[in-house]
C-alpha atoms as a PDB file:
ATOM      1  CA  UNK A   1       0.000   0.000   0.000  1.00  0.00           C
ATOM      2  CA  UNK A   2       1.464   3.291  -1.066  1.00  0.00           C
ATOM      3  CA  UNK A   3       0.495   6.498   0.750  1.00  0.00           C
ATOM      4  CA  UNK A   4       1.387   9.760  -0.908  1.00  0.00           C
ATOM      5  CA  UNK A   5       2.707  12.823   0.880  1.00  0.00           C
ATOM      6  CA  UNK A   6      -0.646  14.645   0.954  1.00  0.00           C
ATOM      7  CA  UNK A   7      -2.347  11.699   2.651  1.00  0.00           C
ATOM      8  CA  UNK A   8       0.409  11.539   5.273  1.00  0.00           C
ATOM      9  CA  UNK A   9      -0.102  15.197   6.115  1.00  0.00           C
ATOM     10  CA  UNK A  10      -3.869  14.765   6.301  1.00  0.00           C
ATOM     11  CA  UNK A  11      -3.506  11.768   8.639  1.00  0.00           C
ATOM     12  CA  UNK A  12      -1.111  13.674  10.891  1.00  0.00           C
ATOM     13  CA  UNK A  13      -3.445  16.686  11.076  1.00  0.00           C
ATOM     14  CA  UNK A  14      -6.457  14.467  11.754  1.00  0.00           C
ATOM     15  CA  UNK A  15      -4.629  12.703  14.596  1.00  0.00           C
ATOM     16  CA  UNK A  16      -2.432  15.410  16.131  1.00  0.00           C
ATOM     17  CA  UNK A  17      -4.961  18.264  15.972  1.00  0.00           C
ATOM     18  CA  UNK A  18      -7.513  16.694  18.331  1.00  0.00           C
ATOM     19  CA  UNK A  19      -4.721  15.224  20.472  1.00  0.00           C
ATOM     20  CA  UNK A  20      -3.147  18.629  21.124  1.00  0.00           C
ATOM     21  CA  UNK A  21      -6.581  20.172  21.695  1.00  0.00           C
ATOM     22  CA  UNK A  22      -7.406  17.605  24.384  1.00  0.00           C
ATOM     23  CA  UNK A  23      -3.969  18.021  25.979  1.00  0.00           C
ATOM     24  CA  UNK A  24      -4.492  21.789  26.026  1.00  0.00           C
ATOM     25  CA  UNK A  25      -7.846  21.462  27.790  1.00  0.00           C
ATOM     26  CA  UNK A  26      -6.393  19.056  30.354  1.00  0.00           C
ATOM     27  CA  UNK A  27      -3.413  21.272  31.187  1.00  0.00           C
ATOM     28  CA  UNK A  28      -5.575  24.418  31.377  1.00  0.00           C
ATOM     29  CA  UNK A  29      -7.934  22.646  33.789  1.00  0.00           C
ATOM     30  CA  UNK A  30      -4.999  21.528  35.933  1.00  0.00           C
ATOM     31  CA  UNK A  31      -3.615  25.091  36.037  1.00  0.00           C
ATOM     32  CA  UNK A  32      -7.061  26.443  36.983  1.00  0.00           C
ATOM     33  CA  UNK A  33      -7.487  23.887  39.776  1.00  0.00           C
ATOM     34  CA  UNK A  34      -4.012  24.607  41.126  1.00  0.00           C
ATOM     35  CA  UNK A  35      -4.588  28.369  41.024  1.00  0.00           C
ATOM     36  CA  UNK A  36      -7.944  28.049  42.763  1.00  0.00           C
ATOM     37  CA  UNK A  37      -6.442  25.873  45.474  1.00  0.00           C
ATOM     38  CA  UNK A  38      -3.480  28.198  45.941  1.00  0.00           C
ATOM     39  CA  UNK A  39      -5.800  31.214  46.044  1.00  0.00           C
ATOM     40  CA  UNK A  40      -7.812  29.716  48.894  1.00  0.00           C
ATOM     41  CA  UNK A  41      -4.770  28.930  51.055  1.00  0.00           C
ATOM     42  CA  UNK A  42      -4.231  32.482  52.405  1.00  0.00           C
ATOM     43  CA  UNK A  43      -7.930  32.715  53.269  1.00  0.00           C
ATOM     44  CA  UNK A  44      -7.737  29.490  55.283  1.00  0.00           C
ATOM     45  CA  UNK A  45      -4.567  30.562  57.082  1.00  0.00           C
ATOM     46  CA  UNK A  46      -5.643  34.159  57.806  1.00  0.00           C
ATOM     47  CA  UNK A  47      -9.435  34.486  57.592  1.00  0.00           C
ATOM     48  CA  UNK A  48     -10.632  37.997  56.723  1.00  0.00           C
ATOM     49  CA  UNK A  49     -11.793  40.181  59.605  1.00  0.00           C
ATOM     50  CA  UNK A  50     -15.436  41.015  59.919  1.00  0.00           C
ATOM     51  CA  UNK A  51     -16.489  44.142  58.046  1.00  0.00           C
ATOM     52  CA  UNK A  52     -18.584  45.211  61.067  1.00  0.00           C
ATOM     53  CA  UNK A  53     -15.510  46.205  63.093  1.00  0.00           C
ATOM     54  CA  UNK A  54     -15.307  49.851  62.108  1.00  0.00           C
ATOM     55  CA  UNK A  55     -13.404  50.951  65.212  1.00  0.00           C
ATOM     56  CA  UNK A  56     -10.165  49.460  63.858  1.00  0.00           C
ATOM     57  CA  UNK A  57     -10.529  51.358  60.593  1.00  0.00           C
ATOM     58  CA  UNK A  58      -8.107  54.309  60.150  1.00  0.00           C
ATOM     59  CA  UNK A  59     -10.974  56.421  58.835  1.00  0.00           C
ATOM     60  CA  UNK A  60     -13.116  55.777  61.906  1.00  0.00           C
ATOM     61  CA  UNK A  61     -10.246  56.754  64.225  1.00  0.00           C
ATOM     62  CA  UNK A  62      -9.584  60.022  62.408  1.00  0.00           C
ATOM     63  CA  UNK A  63     -13.256  61.029  62.470  1.00  0.00           C
ATOM     64  CA  UNK A  64     -13.584  60.484  66.216  1.00  0.00           C
END
């Protein structure tokens, strides 16, 4: 069976195109999961203070 050059290119595009697309989606999802996990770490270590504590605000101290 003889395959000409044009058929070889078409086979490579048909195989490698979807393969690289799937690999791109997988790596992007992994980066997004890692970034989301890393973004939540500071919040777990140092939870934000309540917004109802206005006495510690510099603006509240200067107005008093």
